[in-house]
Amino acid sequence: MQYLLLIYSNEKEWYSQPDKDKEAIHARYGSLIGEIGKTGNFKGGNELQPTSTASTVRVRNAKVTITDGPFAETKEQLGGYFLIEAENLDEATAIAARIPDAETGSIEVRPIVIRG
């Protein structure tokens, strides 16, 4: 079964860190991706641009409204995702717990609906 691991963290804290700390975290991500890639669990993933680059689209009564920024103000912002293959929710959450941002933010684990 496929799962989307949504990686939430405090964007302001991330950008305020020294470059050497960010590089160390990126290295941890690289190691994790390499490990779960070898096992066949990793299917894809990306870091997202800052929320300041986001646009939110709504359609109400056939009228399209586009606003700058994310949908809601929160302490943690969606910063990236992993698409993984796992036998079950237990395996998916075990992988999610290994994501570096789980230590300071949160990882939402969502099963993918596959139709057909």
Protein backbone atom coordinates (compact mmCIF):
# COMPACT_ATOMS: atom_id res chain seq x y z
CA MET A 1 0.00 0.00 0.00
CA GLN A 2 1.20 3.52 -0.72
CA TYR A 3 1.28 6.27 1.89
CA LEU A 4 1.95 9.98 1.65
CA LEU A 5 4.05 11.27 4.53
CA LEU A 6 3.36 15.00 4.86
CA ILE A 7 6.24 16.75 6.60
CA TYR A 8 5.27 19.73 8.77
CA SER A 9 7.78 21.99 10.49
CA ASN A 10 8.18 25.55 11.68
CA GLU A 11 9.31 27.41 8.58
CA LYS A 12 10.60 30.46 10.49
CA GLU A 13 12.80 28.25 12.70
CA TRP A 14 14.14 26.42 9.64
CA TYR A 15 15.20 29.59 7.83
CA SER A 16 16.75 31.07 10.98
CA GLN A 17 19.14 28.11 11.44
CA PRO A 18 22.80 28.41 10.47
CA ASP A 19 23.64 26.91 7.07
CA LYS A 20 25.79 24.19 8.67
CA ASP A 21 22.80 22.98 10.69
CA LYS A 22 20.60 22.90 7.58
CA GLU A 23 23.31 20.97 5.70
CA ALA A 24 23.45 18.40 8.51
CA ILE A 25 19.68 17.91 8.37
CA HIS A 26 19.78 17.61 4.57
CA ALA A 27 22.48 14.95 4.96
CA ARG A 28 20.22 13.02 7.35
CA TYR A 29 17.40 13.21 4.81
CA GLY A 30 19.76 11.96 2.10
CA SER A 31 20.81 9.00 4.24
CA LEU A 32 17.21 8.10 5.05
CA ILE A 33 16.15 8.34 1.40
CA GLY A 34 19.08 6.13 0.44
CA GLU A 35 18.18 3.53 3.07
CA ILE A 36 14.46 3.34 2.29
CA GLY A 37 15.22 3.51 -1.41
CA LYS A 38 17.27 0.32 -1.16
CA THR A 39 14.38 -1.47 0.57
CA GLY A 40 11.92 -0.33 -2.11
CA ASN A 41 9.87 1.77 0.31
CA PHE A 42 10.78 5.18 -1.14
CA LYS A 43 8.76 6.11 -4.23
CA GLY A 44 9.36 9.85 -4.35
CA GLY A 45 9.38 13.07 -2.43
CA ASN A 46 10.34 16.71 -2.50
CA GLU A 47 11.00 19.69 -0.32
CA LEU A 48 8.56 22.53 -0.98
CA GLN A 49 9.32 26.20 -1.54
CA PRO A 50 8.43 28.53 1.38
CA THR A 51 4.78 29.31 2.07
CA SER A 52 5.41 32.85 0.85
CA THR A 53 5.49 31.38 -2.68
CA ALA A 54 2.15 29.56 -2.28
CA SER A 55 -1.19 30.44 -3.79
CA THR A 56 -4.56 29.16 -2.60
CA VAL A 57 -7.33 28.60 -5.15
CA ARG A 58 -11.01 28.46 -4.25
CA VAL A 59 -14.05 28.12 -6.51
CA ARG A 60 -17.38 29.21 -5.02
CA ASN A 61 -20.51 29.56 -7.13
CA ALA A 62 -18.35 29.24 -10.28
CA LYS A 63 -16.20 32.20 -9.19
CA VAL A 64 -12.45 31.54 -8.90
CA THR A 65 -10.56 33.32 -6.12
CA ILE A 66 -6.77 33.11 -5.86
CA THR A 67 -5.03 34.37 -2.74
CA ASP A 68 -1.38 34.53 -1.81
CA GLY A 69 -0.03 32.20 0.81
CA PRO A 70 -1.24 29.04 2.48
CA PHE A 71 -4.83 28.30 3.41
CA ALA A 72 -4.40 28.76 7.18
CA GLU A 73 -2.06 30.33 9.71
CA THR A 74 -0.42 27.64 11.78
CA LYS A 75 2.76 27.14 13.81
CA GLU A 76 3.87 24.37 11.45
CA GLN A 77 3.79 24.54 7.67
CA LEU A 78 3.82 21.79 5.06
CA GLY A 79 7.46 21.72 3.99
CA GLY A 80 7.68 18.56 1.94
CA TYR A 81 6.53 15.00 1.46
CA PHE A 82 7.60 11.42 0.92
CA LEU A 83 5.60 8.95 -1.14
CA ILE A 84 6.33 5.48 0.21
CA GLU A 85 5.30 1.87 -0.22
CA ALA A 86 4.66 0.02 3.04
CA GLU A 87 3.07 -3.28 4.03
CA ASN A 88 0.80 -1.58 6.57
CA LEU A 89 0.27 1.48 8.74
CA ASP A 90 2.77 0.21 11.33
CA GLU A 91 5.56 0.11 8.75
CA ALA A 92 4.52 3.51 7.36
CA THR A 93 4.56 5.16 10.80
CA ALA A 94 7.92 3.54 11.60
CA ILE A 95 9.37 5.16 8.47
CA ALA A 96 7.68 8.47 9.35
CA ALA A 97 9.34 8.38 12.79
CA ARG A 98 12.75 8.28 11.08
CA ILE A 99 12.18 11.55 9.19
CA PRO A 100 14.37 14.23 10.77
CA ASP A 101 11.57 16.81 11.04
CA ALA A 102 9.56 14.41 13.22
CA GLU A 103 11.90 15.50 16.04
CA THR A 104 10.77 19.14 15.94
CA GLY A 105 7.62 19.13 13.80
CA SER A 106 5.16 16.43 12.79
CA ILE A 107 4.62 13.88 10.05
CA GLU A 108 1.09 13.19 8.84
CA VAL A 109 0.72 9.67 7.45
CA ARG A 110 -2.07 9.29 4.87
CA PRO A 111 -2.92 6.15 2.89
CA ILE A 112 -3.24 6.72 -0.86
CA VAL A 113 -6.55 5.79 -2.49
CA ILE A 114 -5.94 3.74 -5.59
CA ARG A 115 -8.97 3.24 -7.81
CA GLY A 116 -9.42 0.83 -10.62
